[in-house]
């Protein structure tokens, strides 16, 4: 698994503890932004139907459907609104 925030490779062979943090940047690991089901724009920003609302996508949560990404999510450019529009609406 890789940290969603800094991209550091982490050694987790089994289930990631709810309050696990990255060894390098101390970011929470059991978070929406580190889950393969995270999908902004979907209900509750999640591909799993019926998930509970999570207010902070960067703070640990107790979601049982959490499944870690193999790689960190792509970083979107914050300076180009046209690129952000295309990423959102195709």
PDB file of N, CA and C in Angstrom:
ATOM      1  N   UNK A   1       0.850  -1.185   0.000  1.00  0.00           N
ATOM      2  CA  UNK A   1       0.000   0.000   0.000  1.00  0.00           C
ATOM      3  C   UNK A   1       0.884   1.232   0.000  1.00  0.00           C
ATOM      4  N   UNK A   2       0.367   2.316  -0.555  1.00  0.00           N
ATOM      5  CA  UNK A   2       1.055   3.600  -0.558  1.00  0.00           C
ATOM      6  C   UNK A   2       0.231   4.635   0.201  1.00  0.00           C
ATOM      7  N   UNK A   3       0.933   5.558   0.843  1.00  0.00           N
ATOM      8  CA  UNK A   3       0.263   6.642   1.546  1.00  0.00           C
ATOM      9  C   UNK A   3      -0.447   7.534   0.536  1.00  0.00           C
ATOM     10  N   UNK A   4      -1.685   7.875   0.826  1.00  0.00           N
ATOM     11  CA  UNK A   4      -2.476   8.722  -0.077  1.00  0.00           C
ATOM     12  C   UNK A   4      -1.913  10.131  -0.142  1.00  0.00           C
ATOM     13  N   UNK A   5      -1.209  10.578   0.902  1.00  0.00           N
ATOM     14  CA  UNK A   5      -0.753  11.956   0.973  1.00  0.00           C
ATOM     15  C   UNK A   5       0.655  12.157   0.412  1.00  0.00           C
ATOM     16  N   UNK A   6       1.613  11.313   0.805  1.00  0.00           N
ATOM     17  CA  UNK A   6       3.002  11.528   0.380  1.00  0.00           C
ATOM     18  C   UNK A   6       3.505  10.473  -0.590  1.00  0.00           C
ATOM     19  N   UNK A   7       2.752   9.378  -0.763  1.00  0.00           N
ATOM     20  CA  UNK A   7       3.134   8.344  -1.720  1.00  0.00           C
ATOM     21  C   UNK A   7       4.134   7.325  -1.198  1.00  0.00           C
ATOM     22  N   UNK A   8       4.495   7.393   0.069  1.00  0.00           N
ATOM     23  CA  UNK A   8       5.448   6.450   0.650  1.00  0.00           C
ATOM     24  C   UNK A   8       4.896   5.034   0.610  1.00  0.00           C
ATOM     25  N   UNK A   9       5.747   4.085   0.197  1.00  0.00           N
ATOM     26  CA  UNK A   9       5.371   2.674   0.195  1.00  0.00           C
ATOM     27  C   UNK A   9       5.330   2.180   1.636  1.00  0.00           C
ATOM     28  N   UNK A  10       4.230   1.533   2.022  1.00  0.00           N
ATOM     29  CA  UNK A  10       4.041   1.063   3.386  1.00  0.00           C
ATOM     30  C   UNK A  10       3.851  -0.447   3.392  1.00  0.00           C
ATOM     31  N   UNK A  11       4.296  -1.091   4.434  1.00  0.00           N
ATOM     32  CA  UNK A  11       4.252  -2.545   4.519  1.00  0.00           C
ATOM     33  C   UNK A  11       3.070  -2.992   5.377  1.00  0.00           C
ATOM     34  N   UNK A  12       1.938  -3.191   4.732  1.00  0.00           N
ATOM     35  CA  UNK A  12       0.752  -3.723   5.407  1.00  0.00           C
ATOM     36  C   UNK A  12       0.289  -4.933   4.623  1.00  0.00           C
ATOM     37  N   UNK A  13       0.491  -6.106   5.193  1.00  0.00           N
ATOM     38  CA  UNK A  13       0.086  -7.334   4.521  1.00  0.00           C
ATOM     39  C   UNK A  13      -1.351  -7.708   4.856  1.00  0.00           C
ATOM     40  N   UNK A  14      -1.783  -7.324   6.043  1.00  0.00           N
ATOM     41  CA  UNK A  14      -3.134  -7.652   6.467  1.00  0.00           C
ATOM     42  C   UNK A  14      -3.980  -6.391   6.522  1.00  0.00           C
ATOM     43  N   UNK A  15      -5.035  -6.442   7.248  1.00  0.00           N
ATOM     44  CA  UNK A  15      -5.959  -5.324   7.407  1.00  0.00           C
ATOM     45  C   UNK A  15      -5.264  -4.119   8.045  1.00  0.00           C
ATOM     46  N   UNK A  16      -5.561  -2.944   7.540  1.00  0.00           N
ATOM     47  CA  UNK A  16      -4.972  -1.717   8.071  1.00  0.00           C
ATOM     48  C   UNK A  16      -5.757  -1.292   9.310  1.00  0.00           C
ATOM     49  N   UNK A  17      -5.080  -1.101  10.444  1.00  0.00           N
ATOM     50  CA  UNK A  17      -5.785  -0.657  11.652  1.00  0.00           C
ATOM     51  C   UNK A  17      -6.471   0.692  11.422  1.00  0.00           C
ATOM     52  N   UNK A  18      -7.594   0.914  12.103  1.00  0.00           N
ATOM     53  CA  UNK A  18      -8.352   2.148  11.927  1.00  0.00           C
ATOM     54  C   UNK A  18      -7.508   3.394  12.188  1.00  0.00           C
ATOM     55  N   UNK A  19      -6.622   3.352  13.168  1.00  0.00           N
ATOM     56  CA  UNK A  19      -5.841   4.538  13.534  1.00  0.00           C
ATOM     57  C   UNK A  19      -4.383   4.461  13.078  1.00  0.00           C
ATOM     58  N   UNK A  20      -4.099   3.677  12.036  1.00  0.00           N
ATOM     59  CA  UNK A  20      -2.741   3.591  11.501  1.00  0.00           C
ATOM     60  C   UNK A  20      -2.355   4.902  10.812  1.00  0.00           C
ATOM     61  N   UNK A  21      -1.078   5.254  10.923  1.00  0.00           N
ATOM     62  CA  UNK A  21      -0.582   6.471  10.272  1.00  0.00           C
ATOM     63  C   UNK A  21       0.648   6.157   9.424  1.00  0.00           C
ATOM     64  N   UNK A  22       0.933   7.034   8.492  1.00  0.00           N
ATOM     65  CA  UNK A  22       2.100   6.914   7.623  1.00  0.00           C
ATOM     66  C   UNK A  22       3.367   7.162   8.448  1.00  0.00           C
ATOM     67  N   UNK A  23       4.380   6.339   8.224  1.00  0.00           N
ATOM     68  CA  UNK A  23       5.640   6.484   8.941  1.00  0.00           C
ATOM     69  C   UNK A  23       6.371   7.772   8.577  1.00  0.00           C
ATOM     70  N   UNK A  24       6.128   8.264   7.372  1.00  0.00           N
ATOM     71  CA  UNK A  24       6.853   9.453   6.898  1.00  0.00           C
ATOM     72  C   UNK A  24       6.136  10.767   7.213  1.00  0.00           C
ATOM     73  N   UNK A  25       4.844  10.867   6.875  1.00  0.00           N
ATOM     74  CA  UNK A  25       4.149  12.154   7.005  1.00  0.00           C
ATOM     75  C   UNK A  25       3.087  12.171   8.109  1.00  0.00           C
ATOM     76  N   UNK A  26       2.880  11.034   8.774  1.00  0.00           N
ATOM     77  CA  UNK A  26       1.910  10.902   9.865  1.00  0.00           C
ATOM     78  C   UNK A  26       0.451  11.086   9.446  1.00  0.00           C
ATOM     79  N   UNK A  27       0.164  10.980   8.170  1.00  0.00           N
ATOM     80  CA  UNK A  27      -1.226  11.064   7.700  1.00  0.00           C
ATOM     81  C   UNK A  27      -1.960   9.790   8.100  1.00  0.00           C
ATOM     82  N   UNK A  28      -3.246   9.923   8.427  1.00  0.00           N
ATOM     83  CA  UNK A  28      -4.065   8.749   8.696  1.00  0.00           C
ATOM     84  C   UNK A  28      -4.108   7.890   7.439  1.00  0.00           C
ATOM     85  N   UNK A  29      -4.146   6.582   7.577  1.00  0.00           N
ATOM     86  CA  UNK A  29      -4.168   5.689   6.419  1.00  0.00           C
ATOM     87  C   UNK A  29      -5.547   5.093   6.149  1.00  0.00           C
ATOM     88  N   UNK A  30      -6.326   4.858   7.188  1.00  0.00           N
ATOM     89  CA  UNK A  30      -7.658   4.270   7.021  1.00  0.00           C
ATOM     90  C   UNK A  30      -8.641   5.420   6.772  1.00  0.00           C
ATOM     91  N   UNK A  31      -8.507   6.049   5.605  1.00  0.00           N
ATOM     92  CA  UNK A  31      -9.302   7.229   5.251  1.00  0.00           C
ATOM     93  C   UNK A  31      -9.929   7.038   3.880  1.00  0.00           C
ATOM     94  N   UNK A  32     -10.939   7.824   3.594  1.00  0.00           N
ATOM     95  CA  UNK A  32     -11.617   7.742   2.296  1.00  0.00           C
ATOM     96  C   UNK A  32     -10.652   7.961   1.139  1.00  0.00           C
ATOM     97  N   UNK A  33      -9.773   8.942   1.256  1.00  0.00           N
ATOM     98  CA  UNK A  33      -8.866   9.263   0.153  1.00  0.00           C
ATOM     99  C   UNK A  33      -7.869   8.148  -0.135  1.00  0.00           C
ATOM    100  N   UNK A  34      -7.764   7.177   0.744  1.00  0.00           N
ATOM    101  CA  UNK A  34      -6.852   6.055   0.554  1.00  0.00           C
ATOM    102  C   UNK A  34      -7.598   4.774   0.166  1.00  0.00           C
ATOM    103  N   UNK A  35      -8.882   4.890  -0.091  1.00  0.00           N
ATOM    104  CA  UNK A  35      -9.715   3.726  -0.379  1.00  0.00           C
ATOM    105  C   UNK A  35     -10.039   3.634  -1.872  1.00  0.00           C
ATOM    106  N   UNK A  36     -10.044   2.416  -2.386  1.00  0.00           N
ATOM    107  CA  UNK A  36     -10.345   2.241  -3.814  1.00  0.00           C
ATOM    108  C   UNK A  36     -11.806   2.542  -4.135  1.00  0.00           C
ATOM    109  N   UNK A  37     -12.666   2.628  -3.127  1.00  0.00           N
ATOM    110  CA  UNK A  37     -14.081   2.943  -3.341  1.00  0.00           C
ATOM    111  C   UNK A  37     -14.361   4.450  -3.333  1.00  0.00           C
ATOM    112  N   UNK A  38     -13.366   5.255  -2.964  1.00  0.00           N
ATOM    113  CA  UNK A  38     -13.555   6.712  -2.894  1.00  0.00           C
ATOM    114  C   UNK A  38     -13.778   7.265  -4.294  1.00  0.00           C
ATOM    115  N   UNK A  39     -14.880   7.982  -4.471  1.00  0.00           N
ATOM    116  CA  UNK A  39     -15.230   8.529  -5.776  1.00  0.00           C
ATOM    117  C   UNK A  39     -16.024   9.823  -5.584  1.00  0.00           C
ATOM    118  N   UNK A  40     -15.334  10.966  -5.565  1.00  0.00           N
ATOM    119  CA  UNK A  40     -16.036  12.243  -5.385  1.00  0.00           C
ATOM    120  C   UNK A  40     -17.146  12.406  -6.423  1.00  0.00           C
ATOM    121  N   UNK A  41     -18.283  12.843  -5.962  1.00  0.00           N
ATOM    122  CA  UNK A  41     -19.431  13.040  -6.845  1.00  0.00           C
ATOM    123  C   UNK A  41     -20.496  11.969  -6.684  1.00  0.00           C
ATOM    124  N   UNK A  42     -20.097  10.781  -6.231  1.00  0.00           N
ATOM    125  CA  UNK A  42     -21.063   9.718  -5.964  1.00  0.00           C
ATOM    126  C   UNK A  42     -21.718   9.986  -4.604  1.00  0.00           C
ATOM    127  N   UNK A  43     -22.842   9.344  -4.309  1.00  0.00           N
ATOM    128  CA  UNK A  43     -23.437   9.528  -2.978  1.00  0.00           C
ATOM    129  C   UNK A  43     -22.418   9.192  -1.882  1.00  0.00           C
ATOM    130  N   UNK A  44     -22.260  10.108  -0.953  1.00  0.00           N
ATOM    131  CA  UNK A  44     -21.257  10.000   0.114  1.00  0.00           C
ATOM    132  C   UNK A  44     -19.831   9.850  -0.428  1.00  0.00           C
ATOM    133  N   UNK A  45     -19.613  10.228  -1.674  1.00  0.00           N
ATOM    134  CA  UNK A  45     -18.305  10.134  -2.341  1.00  0.00           C
ATOM    135  C   UNK A  45     -17.752   8.708  -2.318  1.00  0.00           C
ATOM    136  N   UNK A  46     -18.641   7.729  -2.425  1.00  0.00           N
ATOM    137  CA  UNK A  46     -18.232   6.333  -2.311  1.00  0.00           C
ATOM    138  C   UNK A  46     -18.961   5.473  -3.337  1.00  0.00           C
ATOM    139  N   UNK A  47     -18.247   4.488  -3.894  1.00  0.00           N
ATOM    140  CA  UNK A  47     -18.843   3.567  -4.858  1.00  0.00           C
ATOM    141  C   UNK A  47     -19.686   2.473  -4.192  1.00  0.00           C
ATOM    142  N   UNK A  48     -19.516   2.278  -2.879  1.00  0.00           N
ATOM    143  CA  UNK A  48     -20.286   1.270  -2.159  1.00  0.00           C
ATOM    144  C   UNK A  48     -21.632   1.885  -1.757  1.00  0.00           C
ATOM    145  N   UNK A  49     -22.735   1.341  -2.263  1.00  0.00           N
ATOM    146  CA  UNK A  49     -24.050   1.901  -1.935  1.00  0.00           C
ATOM    147  C   UNK A  49     -24.356   1.807  -0.443  1.00  0.00           C
ATOM    148  N   UNK A  50     -24.984   2.841   0.084  1.00  0.00           N
ATOM    149  CA  UNK A  50     -25.452   2.826   1.461  1.00  0.00           C
ATOM    150  C   UNK A  50     -24.409   3.097   2.527  1.00  0.00           C
ATOM    151  N   UNK A  51     -23.237   3.562   2.139  1.00  0.00           N
ATOM    152  CA  UNK A  51     -22.222   3.855   3.156  1.00  0.00           C
ATOM    153  C   UNK A  51     -22.627   5.077   3.968  1.00  0.00           C
ATOM    154  N   UNK A  52     -22.131   5.128   5.189  1.00  0.00           N
ATOM    155  CA  UNK A  52     -22.426   6.259   6.061  1.00  0.00           C
ATOM    156  C   UNK A  52     -21.621   7.479   5.637  1.00  0.00           C
ATOM    157  N   UNK A  53     -22.162   8.657   5.916  1.00  0.00           N
ATOM    158  CA  UNK A  53     -21.485   9.905   5.584  1.00  0.00           C
ATOM    159  C   UNK A  53     -20.229  10.069   6.432  1.00  0.00           C
ATOM    160  N   UNK A  54     -19.139  10.476   5.796  1.00  0.00           N
ATOM    161  CA  UNK A  54     -17.885  10.781   6.478  1.00  0.00           C
ATOM    162  C   UNK A  54     -17.588  12.249   6.205  1.00  0.00           C
ATOM    163  N   UNK A  55     -17.507  13.052   7.241  1.00  0.00           N
ATOM    164  CA  UNK A  55     -17.328  14.497   7.076  1.00  0.00           C
ATOM    165  C   UNK A  55     -15.921  14.867   6.621  1.00  0.00           C
ATOM    166  N   UNK A  56     -14.900  14.224   7.170  1.00  0.00           N
ATOM    167  CA  UNK A  56     -13.512  14.564   6.842  1.00  0.00           C
ATOM    168  C   UNK A  56     -12.880  13.374   6.130  1.00  0.00           C
ATOM    169  N   UNK A  57     -12.638  13.509   4.831  1.00  0.00           N
ATOM    170  CA  UNK A  57     -12.113  12.410   4.007  1.00  0.00           C
ATOM    171  C   UNK A  57     -10.638  12.124   4.268  1.00  0.00           C
ATOM    172  N   UNK A  58      -9.986  12.955   5.096  1.00  0.00           N
ATOM    173  CA  UNK A  58      -8.570  12.781   5.397  1.00  0.00           C
ATOM    174  C   UNK A  58      -8.340  12.322   6.839  1.00  0.00           C
ATOM    175  N   UNK A  59      -9.406  12.085   7.592  1.00  0.00           N
ATOM    176  CA  UNK A  59      -9.294  11.634   8.976  1.00  0.00           C
ATOM    177  C   UNK A  59      -9.732  10.171   9.050  1.00  0.00           C
ATOM    178  N   UNK A  60      -9.132   9.410   9.976  1.00  0.00           N
ATOM    179  CA  UNK A  60      -9.469   7.995  10.065  1.00  0.00           C
ATOM    180  C   UNK A  60     -10.976   7.821  10.265  1.00  0.00           C
ATOM    181  N   UNK A  61     -11.482   6.713   9.751  1.00  0.00           N
ATOM    182  CA  UNK A  61     -12.890   6.391   9.937  1.00  0.00           C
ATOM    183  C   UNK A  61     -13.030   4.909  10.246  1.00  0.00           C
ATOM    184  N   UNK A  62     -14.214   4.504  10.571  1.00  0.00           N
ATOM    185  CA  UNK A  62     -14.461   3.127  10.973  1.00  0.00           C
ATOM    186  C   UNK A  62     -15.183   2.317   9.901  1.00  0.00           C
ATOM    187  N   UNK A  63     -15.045   2.723   8.655  1.00  0.00           N
ATOM    188  CA  UNK A  63     -15.734   2.051   7.551  1.00  0.00           C
ATOM    189  C   UNK A  63     -15.245   0.612   7.391  1.00  0.00           C
ATOM    190  N   UNK A  64     -16.177  -0.312   7.391  1.00  0.00           N
ATOM    191  CA  UNK A  64     -15.851  -1.735   7.224  1.00  0.00           C
ATOM    192  C   UNK A  64     -15.600  -2.097   5.756  1.00  0.00           C
ATOM    193  N   UNK A  65     -16.015  -1.238   4.825  1.00  0.00           N
ATOM    194  CA  UNK A  65     -15.832  -1.508   3.400  1.00  0.00           C
ATOM    195  C   UNK A  65     -14.505  -0.977   2.869  1.00  0.00           C
ATOM    196  N   UNK A  66     -13.671  -0.405   3.735  1.00  0.00           N
ATOM    197  CA  UNK A  66     -12.397   0.166   3.325  1.00  0.00           C
ATOM    198  C   UNK A  66     -11.533  -0.879   2.630  1.00  0.00           C
ATOM    199  N   UNK A  67     -10.993  -0.484   1.488  1.00  0.00           N
ATOM    200  CA  UNK A  67     -10.076  -1.329   0.731  1.00  0.00           C
ATOM    201  C   UNK A  67      -8.971  -0.431   0.192  1.00  0.00           C
ATOM    202  N   UNK A  68      -7.721  -0.614   0.638  1.00  0.00           N
ATOM    203  CA  UNK A  68      -6.661   0.331   0.288  1.00  0.00           C
ATOM    204  C   UNK A  68      -6.320   0.342  -1.198  1.00  0.00           C
ATOM    205  N   UNK A  69      -5.946   1.524  -1.657  1.00  0.00           N
ATOM    206  CA  UNK A  69      -5.465   1.689  -3.025  1.00  0.00           C
ATOM    207  C   UNK A  69      -4.093   1.045  -3.164  1.00  0.00           C
ATOM    208  N   UNK A  70      -3.772   0.590  -4.360  1.00  0.00           N
ATOM    209  CA  UNK A  70      -2.433   0.066  -4.630  1.00  0.00           C
ATOM    210  C   UNK A  70      -1.436   1.201  -4.833  1.00  0.00           C
ATOM    211  N   UNK A  71      -1.944   2.348  -5.214  1.00  0.00           N
ATOM    212  CA  UNK A  71      -1.099   3.522  -5.452  1.00  0.00           C
ATOM    213  C   UNK A  71      -1.858   4.753  -4.980  1.00  0.00           C
ATOM    214  N   UNK A  72      -1.135   5.855  -4.706  1.00  0.00           N
ATOM    215  CA  UNK A  72      -1.835   7.052  -4.241  1.00  0.00           C
ATOM    216  C   UNK A  72      -2.722   7.617  -5.343  1.00  0.00           C
ATOM    217  N   UNK A  73      -3.810   8.297  -4.984  1.00  0.00           N
ATOM    218  CA  UNK A  73      -4.668   8.903  -6.001  1.00  0.00           C
ATOM    219  C   UNK A  73      -3.904   9.992  -6.744  1.00  0.00           C
ATOM    220  N   UNK A  74      -4.216  10.226  -8.012  1.00  0.00           N
ATOM    221  CA  UNK A  74      -3.517  11.263  -8.760  1.00  0.00           C
ATOM    222  C   UNK A  74      -3.769  12.632  -8.153  1.00  0.00           C
ATOM    223  N   UNK A  75      -2.727  13.439  -8.116  1.00  0.00           N
ATOM    224  CA  UNK A  75      -2.851  14.804  -7.603  1.00  0.00           C
ATOM    225  C   UNK A  75      -3.393  15.690  -8.724  1.00  0.00           C
ATOM    226  N   UNK A  76      -4.468  16.385  -8.446  1.00  0.00           N
ATOM    227  CA  UNK A  76      -5.050  17.265  -9.450  1.00  0.00           C
ATOM    228  C   UNK A  76      -4.450  18.650  -9.324  1.00  0.00           C
ATOM    229  N   UNK A  77      -4.271  19.273 -10.456  1.00  0.00           N
ATOM    230  CA  UNK A  77      -3.755  20.634 -10.474  1.00  0.00           C
ATOM    231  C   UNK A  77      -4.797  21.579  -9.893  1.00  0.00           C
ATOM    232  N   UNK A  78      -4.385  22.378  -8.928  1.00  0.00           N
ATOM    233  CA  UNK A  78      -5.313  23.316  -8.318  1.00  0.00           C
ATOM    234  C   UNK A  78      -5.265  24.677  -9.006  1.00  0.00           C
ATOM    235  N   UNK A  79      -4.312  24.866  -9.900  1.00  0.00           N
ATOM    236  CA  UNK A  79      -4.140  26.178 -10.507  1.00  0.00           C
ATOM    237  C   UNK A  79      -4.880  26.329 -11.838  1.00  0.00           C
ATOM    238  N   UNK A  80      -5.303  25.232 -12.455  1.00  0.00           N
ATOM    239  CA  UNK A  80      -5.937  25.301 -13.763  1.00  0.00           C
ATOM    240  C   UNK A  80      -7.409  24.906 -13.666  1.00  0.00           C
ATOM    241  N   UNK A  81      -8.322  25.885 -13.597  1.00  0.00           N
ATOM    242  CA  UNK A  81      -9.744  25.558 -13.462  1.00  0.00           C
ATOM    243  C   UNK A  81     -10.295  24.794 -14.660  1.00  0.00           C
ATOM    244  N   UNK A  82      -9.760  25.012 -15.844  1.00  0.00           N
ATOM    245  CA  UNK A  82     -10.230  24.294 -17.028  1.00  0.00           C
ATOM    246  C   UNK A  82      -9.934  22.803 -16.889  1.00  0.00           C
ATOM    247  N   UNK A  83      -8.742  22.468 -16.411  1.00  0.00           N
ATOM    248  CA  UNK A  83      -8.373  21.064 -16.211  1.00  0.00           C
ATOM    249  C   UNK A  83      -9.257  20.422 -15.151  1.00  0.00           C
ATOM    250  N   UNK A  84      -9.526  21.135 -14.081  1.00  0.00           N
ATOM    251  CA  UNK A  84     -10.402  20.604 -13.037  1.00  0.00           C
ATOM    252  C   UNK A  84     -11.800  20.365 -13.586  1.00  0.00           C
ATOM    253  N   UNK A  85     -12.326  21.290 -14.413  1.00  0.00           N
ATOM    254  CA  UNK A  85     -13.647  21.137 -15.029  1.00  0.00           C
ATOM    255  C   UNK A  85     -13.676  19.890 -15.893  1.00  0.00           C
ATOM    256  N   UNK A  86     -12.656  19.699 -16.730  1.00  0.00           N
ATOM    257  CA  UNK A  86     -12.604  18.520 -17.600  1.00  0.00           C
ATOM    258  C   UNK A  86     -12.532  17.224 -16.785  1.00  0.00           C
ATOM    259  N   UNK A  87     -11.795  17.237 -15.677  1.00  0.00           N
ATOM    260  CA  UNK A  87     -11.709  16.045 -14.829  1.00  0.00           C
ATOM    261  C   UNK A  87     -13.061  15.716 -14.197  1.00  0.00           C
ATOM    262  N   UNK A  88     -13.824  16.736 -13.856  1.00  0.00           N
ATOM    263  CA  UNK A  88     -15.117  16.507 -13.234  1.00  0.00           C
ATOM    264  C   UNK A  88     -16.194  16.092 -14.230  1.00  0.00           C
ATOM    265  N   UNK A  89     -16.205  16.741 -15.398  1.00  0.00           N
ATOM    266  CA  UNK A  89     -17.313  16.569 -16.332  1.00  0.00           C
ATOM    267  C   UNK A  89     -16.941  15.908 -17.653  1.00  0.00           C
ATOM    268  N   UNK A  90     -15.687  15.535 -17.822  1.00  0.00           N
ATOM    269  CA  UNK A  90     -15.246  14.806 -19.005  1.00  0.00           C
ATOM    270  C   UNK A  90     -15.054  15.599 -20.255  1.00  0.00           C
TER     271      UNK A  90
END
